[in-house]
Amino acid sequence: MSERRCSTCGSSAYESRLVEYVYRHDRNYLIMRDVPAQVYTVCGTRFYRAEVLEEIERRFFAIYREAREPERSIEVPVEVYQPT
């Protein structure tokens, strides 16, 4: 089996980490904490197992379609970019 290489930087050096992941659909967001990922140490590119992404999506729709309460909610300011 060949060594896995990053498609961004070409490095094969990565490590397992728990990261923050922001899922967005339409104009709704879900911030997931402690998401397992493989992170390339040279460029920071992240790779996630399919099961992890499917679980994030399942939880997102449980909150927005089934009205399940999230662990907590935050308010985030929003601005439209306009050069000065």
PDB file of N, CA and C in Angstrom:
ATOM      1  N   MET A   1       0.851  -1.188   0.000  1.00  0.00           N
ATOM      2  CA  MET A   1       0.000   0.000   0.000  1.00  0.00           C
ATOM      3  C   MET A   1       0.889   1.241   0.000  1.00  0.00           C
ATOM      4  N   SER A   2       0.540   2.230  -0.794  1.00  0.00           N
ATOM      5  CA  SER A   2       1.372   3.422  -0.893  1.00  0.00           C
ATOM      6  C   SER A   2       1.120   4.370   0.285  1.00  0.00           C
ATOM      7  N   GLU A   3       2.116   5.202   0.518  1.00  0.00           N
ATOM      8  CA  GLU A   3       2.048   6.176   1.599  1.00  0.00           C
ATOM      9  C   GLU A   3       1.047   7.281   1.245  1.00  0.00           C
ATOM     10  N   ARG A   4       0.222   7.674   2.191  1.00  0.00           N
ATOM     11  CA  ARG A   4      -0.750   8.743   1.957  1.00  0.00           C
ATOM     12  C   ARG A   4      -0.029  10.086   1.949  1.00  0.00           C
ATOM     13  N   ARG A   5      -0.316  10.908   0.936  1.00  0.00           N
ATOM     14  CA  ARG A   5       0.297  12.231   0.814  1.00  0.00           C
ATOM     15  C   ARG A   5      -0.782  13.294   0.719  1.00  0.00           C
ATOM     16  N   CYS A   6      -0.474  14.455   1.249  1.00  0.00           N
ATOM     17  CA  CYS A   6      -1.404  15.586   1.212  1.00  0.00           C
ATOM     18  C   CYS A   6      -1.512  16.122  -0.208  1.00  0.00           C
ATOM     19  N   SER A   7      -2.718  16.370  -0.660  1.00  0.00           N
ATOM     20  CA  SER A   7      -2.926  16.915  -2.003  1.00  0.00           C
ATOM     21  C   SER A   7      -2.583  18.401  -2.073  1.00  0.00           C
ATOM     22  N   THR A   8      -2.425  19.057  -0.929  1.00  0.00           N
ATOM     23  CA  THR A   8      -2.081  20.475  -0.907  1.00  0.00           C
ATOM     24  C   THR A   8      -0.568  20.690  -0.917  1.00  0.00           C
ATOM     25  N   CYS A   9       0.141  20.018   0.010  1.00  0.00           N
ATOM     26  CA  CYS A   9       1.580  20.271   0.163  1.00  0.00           C
ATOM     27  C   CYS A   9       2.466  19.095  -0.228  1.00  0.00           C
ATOM     28  N   GLY A  10       1.867  17.918  -0.416  1.00  0.00           N
ATOM     29  CA  GLY A  10       2.638  16.740  -0.788  1.00  0.00           C
ATOM     30  C   GLY A  10       3.297  16.012   0.366  1.00  0.00           C
ATOM     31  N   SER A  11       3.158  16.513   1.569  1.00  0.00           N
ATOM     32  CA  SER A  11       3.778  15.901   2.738  1.00  0.00           C
ATOM     33  C   SER A  11       3.056  14.606   3.117  1.00  0.00           C
ATOM     34  N   SER A  12       3.787  13.716   3.778  1.00  0.00           N
ATOM     35  CA  SER A  12       3.157  12.511   4.319  1.00  0.00           C
ATOM     36  C   SER A  12       3.089  12.572   5.842  1.00  0.00           C
ATOM     37  N   ALA A  13       3.523  13.689   6.414  1.00  0.00           N
ATOM     38  CA  ALA A  13       3.543  13.843   7.874  1.00  0.00           C
ATOM     39  C   ALA A  13       2.214  14.412   8.369  1.00  0.00           C
ATOM     40  N   TYR A  14       1.467  13.584   9.074  1.00  0.00           N
ATOM     41  CA  TYR A  14       0.208  14.043   9.665  1.00  0.00           C
ATOM     42  C   TYR A  14       0.068  13.454  11.050  1.00  0.00           C
ATOM     43  N   GLU A  15      -0.831  14.047  11.827  1.00  0.00           N
ATOM     44  CA  GLU A  15      -1.091  13.540  13.166  1.00  0.00           C
ATOM     45  C   GLU A  15      -2.581  13.591  13.448  1.00  0.00           C
ATOM     46  N   SER A  16      -3.025  12.749  14.354  1.00  0.00           N
ATOM     47  CA  SER A  16      -4.424  12.746  14.770  1.00  0.00           C
ATOM     48  C   SER A  16      -4.636  13.855  15.783  1.00  0.00           C
ATOM     49  N   ARG A  17      -5.674  14.624  15.581  1.00  0.00           N
ATOM     50  CA  ARG A  17      -6.007  15.720  16.501  1.00  0.00           C
ATOM     51  C   ARG A  17      -7.524  15.794  16.667  1.00  0.00           C
ATOM     52  N   LEU A  18      -7.934  16.471  17.738  1.00  0.00           N
ATOM     53  CA  LEU A  18      -9.333  16.839  17.918  1.00  0.00           C
ATOM     54  C   LEU A  18      -9.436  18.310  17.556  1.00  0.00           C
ATOM     55  N   VAL A  19     -10.308  18.638  16.609  1.00  0.00           N
ATOM     56  CA  VAL A  19     -10.397  19.994  16.080  1.00  0.00           C
ATOM     57  C   VAL A  19     -11.827  20.513  16.170  1.00  0.00           C
ATOM     58  N   GLU A  20     -11.985  21.788  15.874  1.00  0.00           N
ATOM     59  CA  GLU A  20     -13.305  22.400  15.788  1.00  0.00           C
ATOM     60  C   GLU A  20     -13.726  22.388  14.320  1.00  0.00           C
ATOM     61  N   TYR A  21     -14.970  22.050  14.050  1.00  0.00           N
ATOM     62  CA  TYR A  21     -15.477  21.944  12.683  1.00  0.00           C
ATOM     63  C   TYR A  21     -16.749  22.771  12.587  1.00  0.00           C
ATOM     64  N   VAL A  22     -16.842  23.601  11.556  1.00  0.00           N
ATOM     65  CA  VAL A  22     -18.042  24.408  11.343  1.00  0.00           C
ATOM     66  C   VAL A  22     -18.807  23.825  10.157  1.00  0.00           C
ATOM     67  N   TYR A  23     -20.026  23.373  10.423  1.00  0.00           N
ATOM     68  CA  TYR A  23     -20.894  22.820   9.378  1.00  0.00           C
ATOM     69  C   TYR A  23     -21.895  23.902   9.003  1.00  0.00           C
ATOM     70  N   ARG A  24     -22.069  24.111   7.702  1.00  0.00           N
ATOM     71  CA  ARG A  24     -23.008  25.128   7.225  1.00  0.00           C
ATOM     72  C   ARG A  24     -23.911  24.540   6.167  1.00  0.00           C
ATOM     73  N   HIS A  25     -25.190  24.832   6.287  1.00  0.00           N
ATOM     74  CA  HIS A  25     -26.168  24.430   5.275  1.00  0.00           C
ATOM     75  C   HIS A  25     -27.175  25.559   5.183  1.00  0.00           C
ATOM     76  N   ASP A  26     -27.412  26.022   3.960  1.00  0.00           N
ATOM     77  CA  ASP A  26     -28.206  27.221   3.741  1.00  0.00           C
ATOM     78  C   ASP A  26     -27.572  28.346   4.563  1.00  0.00           C
ATOM     79  N   ARG A  27     -28.309  28.944   5.449  1.00  0.00           N
ATOM     80  CA  ARG A  27     -27.724  30.000   6.300  1.00  0.00           C
ATOM     81  C   ARG A  27     -27.682  29.597   7.762  1.00  0.00           C
ATOM     82  N   ASN A  28     -27.646  28.306   8.001  1.00  0.00           N
ATOM     83  CA  ASN A  28     -27.579  27.782   9.357  1.00  0.00           C
ATOM     84  C   ASN A  28     -26.207  27.158   9.601  1.00  0.00           C
ATOM     85  N   TYR A  29     -25.751  27.274  10.835  1.00  0.00           N
ATOM     86  CA  TYR A  29     -24.422  26.791  11.194  1.00  0.00           C
ATOM     87  C   TYR A  29     -24.483  25.891  12.421  1.00  0.00           C
ATOM     88  N   LEU A  30     -23.507  24.978  12.493  1.00  0.00           N
ATOM     89  CA  LEU A  30     -23.304  24.170  13.686  1.00  0.00           C
ATOM     90  C   LEU A  30     -21.805  24.099  13.925  1.00  0.00           C
ATOM     91  N   ILE A  31     -21.378  24.482  15.103  1.00  0.00           N
ATOM     92  CA  ILE A  31     -19.970  24.356  15.484  1.00  0.00           C
ATOM     93  C   ILE A  31     -19.831  23.073  16.283  1.00  0.00           C
ATOM     94  N   MET A  32     -18.995  22.171  15.791  1.00  0.00           N
ATOM     95  CA  MET A  32     -18.739  20.904  16.483  1.00  0.00           C
ATOM     96  C   MET A  32     -17.345  20.963  17.088  1.00  0.00           C
ATOM     97  N   ARG A  33     -17.257  20.661  18.365  1.00  0.00           N
ATOM     98  CA  ARG A  33     -15.965  20.652  19.058  1.00  0.00           C
ATOM     99  C   ARG A  33     -15.464  19.222  19.194  1.00  0.00           C
ATOM    100  N   ASP A  34     -14.157  19.085  19.338  1.00  0.00           N
ATOM    101  CA  ASP A  34     -13.506  17.788  19.573  1.00  0.00           C
ATOM    102  C   ASP A  34     -13.791  16.767  18.474  1.00  0.00           C
ATOM    103  N   VAL A  35     -13.713  17.215  17.237  1.00  0.00           N
ATOM    104  CA  VAL A  35     -13.931  16.347  16.083  1.00  0.00           C
ATOM    105  C   VAL A  35     -12.603  15.686  15.706  1.00  0.00           C
ATOM    106  N   PRO A  36     -12.558  14.350  15.600  1.00  0.00           N
ATOM    107  CA  PRO A  36     -11.313  13.682  15.232  1.00  0.00           C
ATOM    108  C   PRO A  36     -10.960  13.952  13.767  1.00  0.00           C
ATOM    109  N   ALA A  37      -9.694  14.306  13.525  1.00  0.00           N
ATOM    110  CA  ALA A  37      -9.223  14.596  12.173  1.00  0.00           C
ATOM    111  C   ALA A  37      -7.764  14.192  12.045  1.00  0.00           C
ATOM    112  N   GLN A  38      -7.356  13.948  10.814  1.00  0.00           N
ATOM    113  CA  GLN A  38      -5.941  13.776  10.493  1.00  0.00           C
ATOM    114  C   GLN A  38      -5.489  15.127   9.957  1.00  0.00           C
ATOM    115  N   VAL A  39      -4.476  15.725  10.584  1.00  0.00           N
ATOM    116  CA  VAL A  39      -4.025  17.059  10.208  1.00  0.00           C
ATOM    117  C   VAL A  39      -2.581  16.970   9.724  1.00  0.00           C
ATOM    118  N   TYR A  40      -2.347  17.427   8.492  1.00  0.00           N
ATOM    119  CA  TYR A  40      -0.982  17.439   7.964  1.00  0.00           C
ATOM    120  C   TYR A  40      -0.197  18.534   8.667  1.00  0.00           C
ATOM    121  N   THR A  41       0.964  18.168   9.174  1.00  0.00           N
ATOM    122  CA  THR A  41       1.735  19.069  10.024  1.00  0.00           C
ATOM    123  C   THR A  41       2.417  20.181   9.239  1.00  0.00           C
ATOM    124  N   VAL A  42       2.614  20.030   7.947  1.00  0.00           N
ATOM    125  CA  VAL A  42       3.281  21.064   7.153  1.00  0.00           C
ATOM    126  C   VAL A  42       2.317  22.197   6.807  1.00  0.00           C
ATOM    127  N   CYS A  43       1.135  21.857   6.300  1.00  0.00           N
ATOM    128  CA  CYS A  43       0.216  22.887   5.800  1.00  0.00           C
ATOM    129  C   CYS A  43      -1.067  23.036   6.610  1.00  0.00           C
ATOM    130  N   GLY A  44      -1.379  22.070   7.468  1.00  0.00           N
ATOM    131  CA  GLY A  44      -2.592  22.155   8.287  1.00  0.00           C
ATOM    132  C   GLY A  44      -3.849  21.609   7.627  1.00  0.00           C
ATOM    133  N   THR A  45      -3.735  21.080   6.421  1.00  0.00           N
ATOM    134  CA  THR A  45      -4.898  20.497   5.757  1.00  0.00           C
ATOM    135  C   THR A  45      -5.464  19.366   6.614  1.00  0.00           C
ATOM    136  N   ARG A  46      -6.789  19.332   6.710  1.00  0.00           N
ATOM    137  CA  ARG A  46      -7.462  18.335   7.551  1.00  0.00           C
ATOM    138  C   ARG A  46      -8.202  17.325   6.696  1.00  0.00           C
ATOM    139  N   PHE A  47      -8.196  16.083   7.166  1.00  0.00           N
ATOM    140  CA  PHE A  47      -8.983  15.027   6.547  1.00  0.00           C
ATOM    141  C   PHE A  47      -9.815  14.357   7.628  1.00  0.00           C
ATOM    142  N   TYR A  48     -11.079  14.063   7.273  1.00  0.00           N
ATOM    143  CA  TYR A  48     -12.034  13.482   8.212  1.00  0.00           C
ATOM    144  C   TYR A  48     -12.537  12.160   7.654  1.00  0.00           C
ATOM    145  N   ARG A  49     -12.782  11.202   8.523  1.00  0.00           N
ATOM    146  CA  ARG A  49     -13.407   9.948   8.108  1.00  0.00           C
ATOM    147  C   ARG A  49     -14.863  10.236   7.708  1.00  0.00           C
ATOM    148  N   ALA A  50     -15.368   9.502   6.766  1.00  0.00           N
ATOM    149  CA  ALA A  50     -16.737   9.702   6.278  1.00  0.00           C
ATOM    150  C   ALA A  50     -17.748   9.572   7.403  1.00  0.00           C
ATOM    151  N   GLU A  51     -17.528   8.608   8.316  1.00  0.00           N
ATOM    152  CA  GLU A  51     -18.487   8.402   9.414  1.00  0.00           C
ATOM    153  C   GLU A  51     -18.573   9.633  10.312  1.00  0.00           C
ATOM    154  N   VAL A  52     -17.451  10.328  10.473  1.00  0.00           N
ATOM    155  CA  VAL A  52     -17.417  11.528  11.311  1.00  0.00           C
ATOM    156  C   VAL A  52     -18.256  12.624  10.664  1.00  0.00           C
ATOM    157  N   LEU A  53     -18.072  12.850   9.370  1.00  0.00           N
ATOM    158  CA  LEU A  53     -18.841  13.880   8.664  1.00  0.00           C
ATOM    159  C   LEU A  53     -20.328  13.543   8.616  1.00  0.00           C
ATOM    160  N   GLU A  54     -20.648  12.269   8.462  1.00  0.00           N
ATOM    161  CA  GLU A  54     -22.054  11.856   8.463  1.00  0.00           C
ATOM    162  C   GLU A  54     -22.707  12.109   9.822  1.00  0.00           C
ATOM    163  N   GLU A  55     -21.974  11.882  10.899  1.00  0.00           N
ATOM    164  CA  GLU A  55     -22.513  12.134  12.245  1.00  0.00           C
ATOM    165  C   GLU A  55     -22.735  13.629  12.481  1.00  0.00           C
ATOM    166  N   ILE A  56     -21.817  14.454  12.007  1.00  0.00           N
ATOM    167  CA  ILE A  56     -21.981  15.907  12.133  1.00  0.00           C
ATOM    168  C   ILE A  56     -23.239  16.341  11.387  1.00  0.00           C
ATOM    169  N   GLU A  57     -23.406  15.856  10.174  1.00  0.00           N
ATOM    170  CA  GLU A  57     -24.588  16.196   9.383  1.00  0.00           C
ATOM    171  C   GLU A  57     -25.874  15.710  10.066  1.00  0.00           C
ATOM    172  N   ARG A  58     -25.853  14.503  10.621  1.00  0.00           N
ATOM    173  CA  ARG A  58     -27.020  13.970  11.326  1.00  0.00           C
ATOM    174  C   ARG A  58     -27.412  14.873  12.488  1.00  0.00           C
ATOM    175  N   ARG A  59     -26.415  15.313  13.264  1.00  0.00           N
ATOM    176  CA  ARG A  59     -26.705  16.180  14.416  1.00  0.00           C
ATOM    177  C   ARG A  59     -27.218  17.543  13.970  1.00  0.00           C
ATOM    178  N   PHE A  60     -26.639  18.087  12.888  1.00  0.00           N
ATOM    179  CA  PHE A  60     -27.100  19.365  12.349  1.00  0.00           C
ATOM    180  C   PHE A  60     -28.595  19.295  12.031  1.00  0.00           C
ATOM    181  N   PHE A  61     -29.001  18.268  11.290  1.00  0.00           N
ATOM    182  CA  PHE A  61     -30.407  18.167  10.896  1.00  0.00           C
ATOM    183  C   PHE A  61     -31.306  17.818  12.068  1.00  0.00           C
ATOM    184  N   ALA A  62     -30.804  17.130  13.058  1.00  0.00           N
ATOM    185  CA  ALA A  62     -31.600  16.878  14.265  1.00  0.00           C
ATOM    186  C   ALA A  62     -31.917  18.188  14.974  1.00  0.00           C
ATOM    187  N   ILE A  63     -30.976  19.102  14.965  1.00  0.00           N
ATOM    188  CA  ILE A  63     -31.197  20.402  15.605  1.00  0.00           C
ATOM    189  C   ILE A  63     -32.124  21.275  14.765  1.00  0.00           C
ATOM    190  N   TYR A  64     -31.867  21.384  13.462  1.00  0.00           N
ATOM    191  CA  TYR A  64     -32.622  22.320  12.629  1.00  0.00           C
ATOM    192  C   TYR A  64     -33.940  21.773  12.100  1.00  0.00           C
ATOM    193  N   ARG A  65     -34.080  20.479  11.954  1.00  0.00           N
ATOM    194  CA  ARG A  65     -35.342  19.918  11.436  1.00  0.00           C
ATOM    195  C   ARG A  65     -36.186  19.277  12.519  1.00  0.00           C
ATOM    196  N   GLU A  66     -35.536  18.706  13.520  1.00  0.00           N
ATOM    197  CA  GLU A  66     -36.274  17.997  14.562  1.00  0.00           C
ATOM    198  C   GLU A  66     -36.338  18.781  15.863  1.00  0.00           C
ATOM    199  N   ALA A  67     -35.778  19.978  15.871  1.00  0.00           N
ATOM    200  CA  ALA A  67     -35.797  20.878  17.030  1.00  0.00           C
ATOM    201  C   ALA A  67     -35.121  20.283  18.262  1.00  0.00           C
ATOM    202  N   ARG A  68     -34.107  19.446  18.042  1.00  0.00           N
ATOM    203  CA  ARG A  68     -33.327  18.945  19.182  1.00  0.00           C
ATOM    204  C   ARG A  68     -32.492  20.095  19.730  1.00  0.00           C
ATOM    205  N   GLU A  69     -32.416  20.195  21.045  1.00  0.00           N
ATOM    206  CA  GLU A  69     -31.644  21.254  21.678  1.00  0.00           C
ATOM    207  C   GLU A  69     -30.145  20.961  21.587  1.00  0.00           C
ATOM    208  N   PRO A  70     -29.350  21.925  21.135  1.00  0.00           N
ATOM    209  CA  PRO A  70     -27.903  21.729  21.128  1.00  0.00           C
ATOM    210  C   PRO A  70     -27.350  21.819  22.552  1.00  0.00           C
ATOM    211  N   GLU A  71     -26.113  21.410  22.713  1.00  0.00           N
ATOM    212  CA  GLU A  71     -25.448  21.506  24.019  1.00  0.00           C
ATOM    213  C   GLU A  71     -25.481  22.933  24.539  1.00  0.00           C
ATOM    214  N   ARG A  72     -25.197  23.874  23.654  1.00  0.00           N
ATOM    215  CA  ARG A  72     -25.331  25.292  23.979  1.00  0.00           C
ATOM    216  C   ARG A  72     -25.389  26.089  22.690  1.00  0.00           C
ATOM    217  N   SER A  73     -25.798  27.345  22.776  1.00  0.00           N
ATOM    218  CA  SER A  73     -25.880  28.238  21.619  1.00  0.00           C
ATOM    219  C   SER A  73     -25.100  29.507  21.910  1.00  0.00           C
ATOM    220  N   ILE A  74     -24.602  30.129  20.838  1.00  0.00           N
ATOM    221  CA  ILE A  74     -23.898  31.399  20.974  1.00  0.00           C
ATOM    222  C   ILE A  74     -24.463  32.382  19.949  1.00  0.00           C
ATOM    223  N   GLU A  75     -24.286  33.644  20.212  1.00  0.00           N
ATOM    224  CA  GLU A  75     -24.679  34.673  19.259  1.00  0.00           C
ATOM    225  C   GLU A  75     -23.413  35.177  18.578  1.00  0.00           C
ATOM    226  N   VAL A  76     -23.450  35.287  17.258  1.00  0.00           N
ATOM    227  CA  VAL A  76     -22.269  35.678  16.489  1.00  0.00           C
ATOM    228  C   VAL A  76     -22.599  36.926  15.682  1.00  0.00           C
ATOM    229  N   PRO A  77     -21.775  37.981  15.764  1.00  0.00           N
ATOM    230  CA  PRO A  77     -22.010  39.160  14.941  1.00  0.00           C
ATOM    231  C   PRO A  77     -21.769  38.853  13.469  1.00  0.00           C
ATOM    232  N   VAL A  78     -22.552  39.508  12.602  1.00  0.00           N
ATOM    233  CA  VAL A  78     -22.433  39.317  11.165  1.00  0.00           C
ATOM    234  C   VAL A  78     -22.275  40.678  10.510  1.00  0.00           C
ATOM    235  N   GLU A  79     -21.344  40.781   9.594  1.00  0.00           N
ATOM    236  CA  GLU A  79     -21.110  42.014   8.834  1.00  0.00           C
ATOM    237  C   GLU A  79     -21.052  41.683   7.347  1.00  0.00           C
ATOM    238  N   VAL A  80     -21.402  42.636   6.512  1.00  0.00           N
ATOM    239  CA  VAL A  80     -21.214  42.523   5.074  1.00  0.00           C
ATOM    240  C   VAL A  80     -19.922  43.264   4.740  1.00  0.00           C
ATOM    241  N   TYR A  81     -19.058  42.611   3.983  1.00  0.00           N
ATOM    242  CA  TYR A  81     -17.779  43.248   3.627  1.00  0.00           C
ATOM    243  C   TYR A  81     -18.008  44.369   2.629  1.00  0.00           C
ATOM    244  N   GLN A  82     -17.536  45.542   2.969  1.00  0.00           N
ATOM    245  CA  GLN A  82     -17.541  46.687   2.065  1.00  0.00           C
ATOM    246  C   GLN A  82     -16.217  47.403   2.261  1.00  0.00           C
ATOM    247  N   PRO A  83     -15.390  47.466   1.223  1.00  0.00           N
ATOM    248  CA  PRO A  83     -14.099  48.134   1.365  1.00  0.00           C
ATOM    249  C   PRO A  83     -14.287  49.605   1.717  1.00  0.00           C
ATOM    250  N   THR A  84     -13.402  50.090   2.562  1.00  0.00           N
ATOM    251  CA  THR A  84     -13.500  51.504   2.953  1.00  0.00           C
ATOM    252  C   THR A  84     -12.609  52.378   2.131  1.00  0.00           C
TER     253      THR A  84
END
